[in-house]
Amino acid sequence: MRLYGLKNCDTCRKALKALPQAELVDVRADGISPDLLARAYETFGEKLVNTRSTTWRGLSEAERATPPLELLQQYPALMKRPLIEDGGRLYLGWDKTVQAALSAQV
């Protein structure tokens, strides 16, 4: 199980604590593969871009108009976190639904 996020993100830390078998991949330091990003975008669509983030608020209107996959490659911290890959399945965020789905597997 891999958890894609940021090592200093509170939500990612909560998810890691609940999923001790997960390996954290820091998207800012290590990046995220274009294939996985495309798969995640195909699965979650616009939800993959965190429009409530500080990074998003700092973008110009022209930058915000950039296609989402290009934007996420350029600014990995814009991705909603965490993105969890487990056995080929993808989960986004750390809400009750994701927690229940993953805790049922543990």
N, C-alpha and C. Protein backbone atom coordinates (compact mmCIF):
# COMPACT_ATOMS: atom_id res chain seq x y z
N MET A 1 0.85 -1.17 0.00
CA MET A 1 0.00 0.00 0.00
C MET A 1 0.90 1.24 0.00
N ARG A 2 0.57 2.17 -0.89
CA ARG A 2 1.32 3.42 -0.97
C ARG A 2 0.38 4.58 -0.72
N LEU A 3 0.86 5.54 0.04
CA LEU A 3 0.11 6.74 0.36
C LEU A 3 0.87 7.91 -0.25
N TYR A 4 0.26 8.58 -1.21
CA TYR A 4 0.88 9.73 -1.87
C TYR A 4 0.36 11.00 -1.21
N GLY A 5 1.28 11.80 -0.70
CA GLY A 5 0.88 13.02 -0.03
C GLY A 5 2.11 13.83 0.33
N LEU A 6 2.01 14.57 1.44
CA LEU A 6 3.11 15.38 1.93
C LEU A 6 3.44 14.96 3.34
N LYS A 7 4.72 14.87 3.67
CA LYS A 7 5.10 14.39 4.99
C LYS A 7 4.67 15.34 6.10
N ASN A 8 4.45 16.63 5.79
CA ASN A 8 4.02 17.57 6.81
C ASN A 8 2.52 17.86 6.78
N CYS A 9 1.76 17.07 6.04
CA CYS A 9 0.30 17.23 5.95
C CYS A 9 -0.36 16.47 7.10
N ASP A 10 -1.17 17.17 7.89
CA ASP A 10 -1.83 16.54 9.04
C ASP A 10 -2.72 15.38 8.63
N THR A 11 -3.45 15.53 7.54
CA THR A 11 -4.35 14.47 7.09
C THR A 11 -3.55 13.23 6.68
N CYS A 12 -2.43 13.45 6.00
CA CYS A 12 -1.58 12.32 5.60
C CYS A 12 -1.00 11.62 6.82
N ARG A 13 -0.63 12.40 7.83
CA ARG A 13 -0.09 11.79 9.06
C ARG A 13 -1.15 10.94 9.76
N LYS A 14 -2.38 11.42 9.80
CA LYS A 14 -3.47 10.64 10.41
C LYS A 14 -3.67 9.33 9.66
N ALA A 15 -3.65 9.41 8.33
CA ALA A 15 -3.84 8.21 7.51
C ALA A 15 -2.69 7.23 7.73
N LEU A 16 -1.46 7.73 7.80
CA LEU A 16 -0.30 6.86 8.02
C LEU A 16 -0.37 6.18 9.38
N LYS A 17 -0.84 6.92 10.37
CA LYS A 17 -0.94 6.35 11.71
C LYS A 17 -1.96 5.21 11.73
N ALA A 18 -3.06 5.39 10.99
CA ALA A 18 -4.11 4.37 10.94
C ALA A 18 -3.73 3.20 10.01
N LEU A 19 -2.81 3.45 9.09
CA LEU A 19 -2.39 2.43 8.12
C LEU A 19 -0.88 2.20 8.25
N PRO A 20 -0.44 1.53 9.31
CA PRO A 20 1.00 1.38 9.55
C PRO A 20 1.73 0.62 8.44
N GLN A 21 1.01 -0.16 7.65
CA GLN A 21 1.65 -0.90 6.57
C GLN A 21 1.88 -0.04 5.33
N ALA A 22 1.35 1.17 5.32
CA ALA A 22 1.45 2.05 4.15
C ALA A 22 2.82 2.71 4.09
N GLU A 23 3.29 2.91 2.86
CA GLU A 23 4.55 3.60 2.60
C GLU A 23 4.21 4.99 2.08
N LEU A 24 4.76 6.03 2.72
CA LEU A 24 4.50 7.40 2.30
C LEU A 24 5.41 7.77 1.13
N VAL A 25 4.81 8.30 0.08
CA VAL A 25 5.55 8.87 -1.04
C VAL A 25 5.26 10.36 -1.01
N ASP A 26 6.26 11.16 -0.67
CA ASP A 26 6.10 12.61 -0.60
C ASP A 26 6.09 13.17 -2.02
N VAL A 27 4.95 13.65 -2.45
CA VAL A 27 4.82 14.09 -3.85
C VAL A 27 5.65 15.33 -4.15
N ARG A 28 5.94 16.12 -3.14
CA ARG A 28 6.76 17.31 -3.38
C ARG A 28 8.23 16.91 -3.56
N ALA A 29 8.70 15.97 -2.74
CA ALA A 29 10.10 15.55 -2.80
C ALA A 29 10.34 14.48 -3.88
N ASP A 30 9.45 13.49 -3.94
CA ASP A 30 9.65 12.33 -4.82
C ASP A 30 8.87 12.39 -6.12
N GLY A 31 7.87 13.26 -6.19
CA GLY A 31 7.03 13.35 -7.38
C GLY A 31 6.04 12.19 -7.46
N ILE A 32 5.28 12.19 -8.51
CA ILE A 32 4.28 11.14 -8.74
C ILE A 32 4.33 10.80 -10.22
N SER A 33 4.25 9.53 -10.54
CA SER A 33 4.40 9.14 -11.94
C SER A 33 3.23 9.67 -12.77
N PRO A 34 3.52 10.09 -14.00
CA PRO A 34 2.46 10.58 -14.88
C PRO A 34 1.35 9.54 -15.11
N ASP A 35 1.73 8.25 -15.15
CA ASP A 35 0.74 7.18 -15.35
C ASP A 35 -0.23 7.11 -14.18
N LEU A 36 0.30 7.15 -12.96
CA LEU A 36 -0.56 7.10 -11.78
C LEU A 36 -1.42 8.34 -11.70
N LEU A 37 -0.85 9.48 -12.01
CA LEU A 37 -1.60 10.73 -11.98
C LEU A 37 -2.75 10.68 -12.99
N ALA A 38 -2.48 10.16 -14.18
CA ALA A 38 -3.53 10.05 -15.21
C ALA A 38 -4.62 9.09 -14.75
N ARG A 39 -4.22 7.98 -14.14
CA ARG A 39 -5.19 7.01 -13.63
C ARG A 39 -6.05 7.62 -12.53
N ALA A 40 -5.42 8.37 -11.65
CA ALA A 40 -6.14 9.02 -10.56
C ALA A 40 -7.11 10.06 -11.11
N TYR A 41 -6.67 10.81 -12.12
CA TYR A 41 -7.54 11.82 -12.71
C TYR A 41 -8.72 11.16 -13.43
N GLU A 42 -8.46 10.04 -14.07
CA GLU A 42 -9.53 9.28 -14.73
C GLU A 42 -10.55 8.79 -13.70
N THR A 43 -10.08 8.41 -12.53
CA THR A 43 -10.94 7.89 -11.48
C THR A 43 -11.70 9.00 -10.74
N PHE A 44 -11.00 10.09 -10.39
CA PHE A 44 -11.59 11.11 -9.51
C PHE A 44 -11.92 12.42 -10.20
N GLY A 45 -11.44 12.61 -11.42
CA GLY A 45 -11.74 13.83 -12.16
C GLY A 45 -11.25 15.09 -11.46
N GLU A 46 -12.05 16.13 -11.50
CA GLU A 46 -11.68 17.44 -10.94
C GLU A 46 -11.43 17.39 -9.43
N LYS A 47 -11.97 16.38 -8.75
CA LYS A 47 -11.77 16.27 -7.30
C LYS A 47 -10.30 16.09 -6.93
N LEU A 48 -9.49 15.66 -7.89
CA LEU A 48 -8.07 15.42 -7.63
C LEU A 48 -7.32 16.73 -7.36
N VAL A 49 -7.84 17.85 -7.88
CA VAL A 49 -7.20 19.14 -7.67
C VAL A 49 -7.82 19.80 -6.44
N ASN A 50 -6.98 20.14 -5.47
CA ASN A 50 -7.44 20.76 -4.23
C ASN A 50 -7.55 22.27 -4.44
N THR A 51 -8.75 22.73 -4.74
CA THR A 51 -8.96 24.16 -5.02
C THR A 51 -9.10 24.98 -3.74
N ARG A 52 -8.95 24.33 -2.58
CA ARG A 52 -9.00 25.07 -1.31
C ARG A 52 -7.60 25.28 -0.74
N SER A 53 -6.58 24.85 -1.47
CA SER A 53 -5.21 24.93 -0.95
C SER A 53 -4.60 26.31 -1.11
N THR A 54 -3.57 26.56 -0.32
CA THR A 54 -2.81 27.81 -0.41
C THR A 54 -2.17 27.91 -1.79
N THR A 55 -1.67 26.79 -2.30
CA THR A 55 -1.04 26.78 -3.62
C THR A 55 -2.03 27.26 -4.69
N TRP A 56 -3.27 26.75 -4.65
CA TRP A 56 -4.29 27.12 -5.62
C TRP A 56 -4.58 28.62 -5.54
N ARG A 57 -4.72 29.12 -4.31
CA ARG A 57 -5.04 30.55 -4.14
C ARG A 57 -3.92 31.44 -4.67
N GLY A 58 -2.69 30.91 -4.70
CA GLY A 58 -1.56 31.69 -5.19
C GLY A 58 -1.40 31.68 -6.71
N LEU A 59 -2.20 30.89 -7.39
CA LEU A 59 -2.11 30.80 -8.86
C LEU A 59 -2.87 31.93 -9.53
N SER A 60 -2.36 32.35 -10.67
CA SER A 60 -3.07 33.36 -11.46
C SER A 60 -4.24 32.68 -12.19
N GLU A 61 -5.12 33.49 -12.73
CA GLU A 61 -6.25 32.94 -13.50
C GLU A 61 -5.76 32.14 -14.69
N ALA A 62 -4.70 32.61 -15.32
CA ALA A 62 -4.13 31.91 -16.48
C ALA A 62 -3.59 30.55 -16.06
N GLU A 63 -2.91 30.49 -14.91
CA GLU A 63 -2.38 29.20 -14.44
C GLU A 63 -3.52 28.25 -14.07
N ARG A 64 -4.56 28.78 -13.47
CA ARG A 64 -5.71 27.93 -13.10
C ARG A 64 -6.39 27.33 -14.31
N ALA A 65 -6.24 27.98 -15.47
CA ALA A 65 -6.87 27.49 -16.71
C ALA A 65 -6.05 26.37 -17.36
N THR A 66 -4.86 26.10 -16.83
CA THR A 66 -4.01 25.03 -17.34
C THR A 66 -4.71 23.69 -17.15
N PRO A 67 -4.59 22.75 -18.09
CA PRO A 67 -5.20 21.43 -17.90
C PRO A 67 -4.74 20.81 -16.56
N PRO A 68 -5.67 20.19 -15.82
CA PRO A 68 -5.38 19.68 -14.48
C PRO A 68 -4.15 18.78 -14.37
N LEU A 69 -3.94 17.89 -15.32
CA LEU A 69 -2.78 16.99 -15.22
C LEU A 69 -1.46 17.76 -15.33
N GLU A 70 -1.42 18.76 -16.20
CA GLU A 70 -0.22 19.59 -16.32
C GLU A 70 0.01 20.38 -15.04
N LEU A 71 -1.06 20.90 -14.50
CA LEU A 71 -1.00 21.68 -13.26
C LEU A 71 -0.48 20.83 -12.10
N LEU A 72 -0.96 19.60 -12.01
CA LEU A 72 -0.54 18.70 -10.93
C LEU A 72 0.91 18.25 -11.10
N GLN A 73 1.37 18.13 -12.34
CA GLN A 73 2.78 17.80 -12.56
C GLN A 73 3.67 18.97 -12.14
N GLN A 74 3.21 20.17 -12.43
CA GLN A 74 3.98 21.37 -12.12
C GLN A 74 3.93 21.70 -10.63
N TYR A 75 2.76 21.51 -10.00
CA TYR A 75 2.55 21.82 -8.59
C TYR A 75 1.98 20.60 -7.87
N PRO A 76 2.81 19.62 -7.51
CA PRO A 76 2.29 18.39 -6.90
C PRO A 76 1.52 18.62 -5.60
N ALA A 77 1.82 19.71 -4.89
CA ALA A 77 1.12 19.99 -3.63
C ALA A 77 -0.34 20.37 -3.87
N LEU A 78 -0.72 20.61 -5.13
CA LEU A 78 -2.12 20.92 -5.46
C LEU A 78 -3.03 19.71 -5.40
N MET A 79 -2.44 18.52 -5.37
CA MET A 79 -3.25 17.30 -5.36
C MET A 79 -3.96 17.16 -4.02
N LYS A 80 -5.23 16.78 -4.08
CA LYS A 80 -5.95 16.48 -2.84
C LYS A 80 -5.24 15.30 -2.19
N ARG A 81 -5.12 15.35 -0.88
CA ARG A 81 -4.35 14.34 -0.18
C ARG A 81 -5.16 13.64 0.88
N PRO A 82 -4.75 12.44 1.21
CA PRO A 82 -3.79 11.61 0.49
C PRO A 82 -4.45 10.87 -0.68
N LEU A 83 -3.62 10.45 -1.61
CA LEU A 83 -4.03 9.53 -2.67
C LEU A 83 -3.45 8.20 -2.25
N ILE A 84 -4.30 7.21 -2.05
CA ILE A 84 -3.85 5.91 -1.55
C ILE A 84 -4.04 4.87 -2.63
N GLU A 85 -2.96 4.14 -2.91
CA GLU A 85 -2.99 3.06 -3.89
C GLU A 85 -2.84 1.76 -3.12
N ASP A 86 -3.84 0.90 -3.26
CA ASP A 86 -3.81 -0.37 -2.54
C ASP A 86 -4.28 -1.48 -3.47
N GLY A 87 -3.36 -2.33 -3.87
CA GLY A 87 -3.71 -3.46 -4.72
C GLY A 87 -4.41 -3.07 -6.00
N GLY A 88 -3.98 -1.99 -6.62
CA GLY A 88 -4.59 -1.56 -7.87
C GLY A 88 -5.78 -0.64 -7.70
N ARG A 89 -6.33 -0.55 -6.49
CA ARG A 89 -7.45 0.37 -6.24
C ARG A 89 -6.93 1.70 -5.75
N LEU A 90 -7.62 2.76 -6.08
CA LEU A 90 -7.24 4.10 -5.65
C LEU A 90 -8.29 4.69 -4.73
N TYR A 91 -7.83 5.40 -3.71
CA TYR A 91 -8.71 6.10 -2.77
C TYR A 91 -8.19 7.52 -2.66
N LEU A 92 -9.10 8.47 -2.53
CA LEU A 92 -8.71 9.87 -2.44
C LEU A 92 -9.25 10.49 -1.16
N GLY A 93 -8.36 11.13 -0.42
CA GLY A 93 -8.76 11.78 0.82
C GLY A 93 -8.73 10.82 1.99
N TRP A 94 -9.17 11.31 3.14
CA TRP A 94 -9.18 10.48 4.34
C TRP A 94 -10.48 10.72 5.09
N ASP A 95 -11.59 10.54 4.37
CA ASP A 95 -12.90 10.71 5.01
C ASP A 95 -13.38 9.37 5.56
N LYS A 96 -14.54 9.36 6.16
CA LYS A 96 -15.08 8.15 6.80
C LYS A 96 -15.23 6.99 5.82
N THR A 97 -15.61 7.29 4.58
CA THR A 97 -15.79 6.24 3.57
C THR A 97 -14.47 5.53 3.27
N VAL A 98 -13.41 6.31 3.06
CA VAL A 98 -12.09 5.75 2.77
C VAL A 98 -11.58 4.98 3.99
N GLN A 99 -11.74 5.55 5.17
CA GLN A 99 -11.29 4.89 6.40
C GLN A 99 -11.98 3.54 6.57
N ALA A 100 -13.28 3.52 6.34
CA ALA A 100 -14.03 2.26 6.48
C ALA A 100 -13.59 1.23 5.44
N ALA A 101 -13.40 1.66 4.21
CA ALA A 101 -12.98 0.74 3.15
C ALA A 101 -11.62 0.14 3.43
N LEU A 102 -10.71 0.94 3.92
CA LEU A 102 -9.35 0.46 4.18
C LEU A 102 -9.23 -0.30 5.51
N SER A 103 -10.00 0.08 6.49
CA SER A 103 -9.91 -0.63 7.77
C SER A 103 -10.55 -2.00 7.67
N ALA A 104 -11.46 -2.17 6.72
CA ALA A 104 -12.08 -3.48 6.52
C ALA A 104 -11.07 -4.46 5.94
N GLN A 105 -10.03 -3.93 5.28
CA GLN A 105 -9.02 -4.77 4.65
C GLN A 105 -7.90 -5.15 5.62
N VAL A 106 -7.73 -4.37 6.66
CA VAL A 106 -6.61 -4.59 7.60
C VAL A 106 -6.83 -5.83 8.43
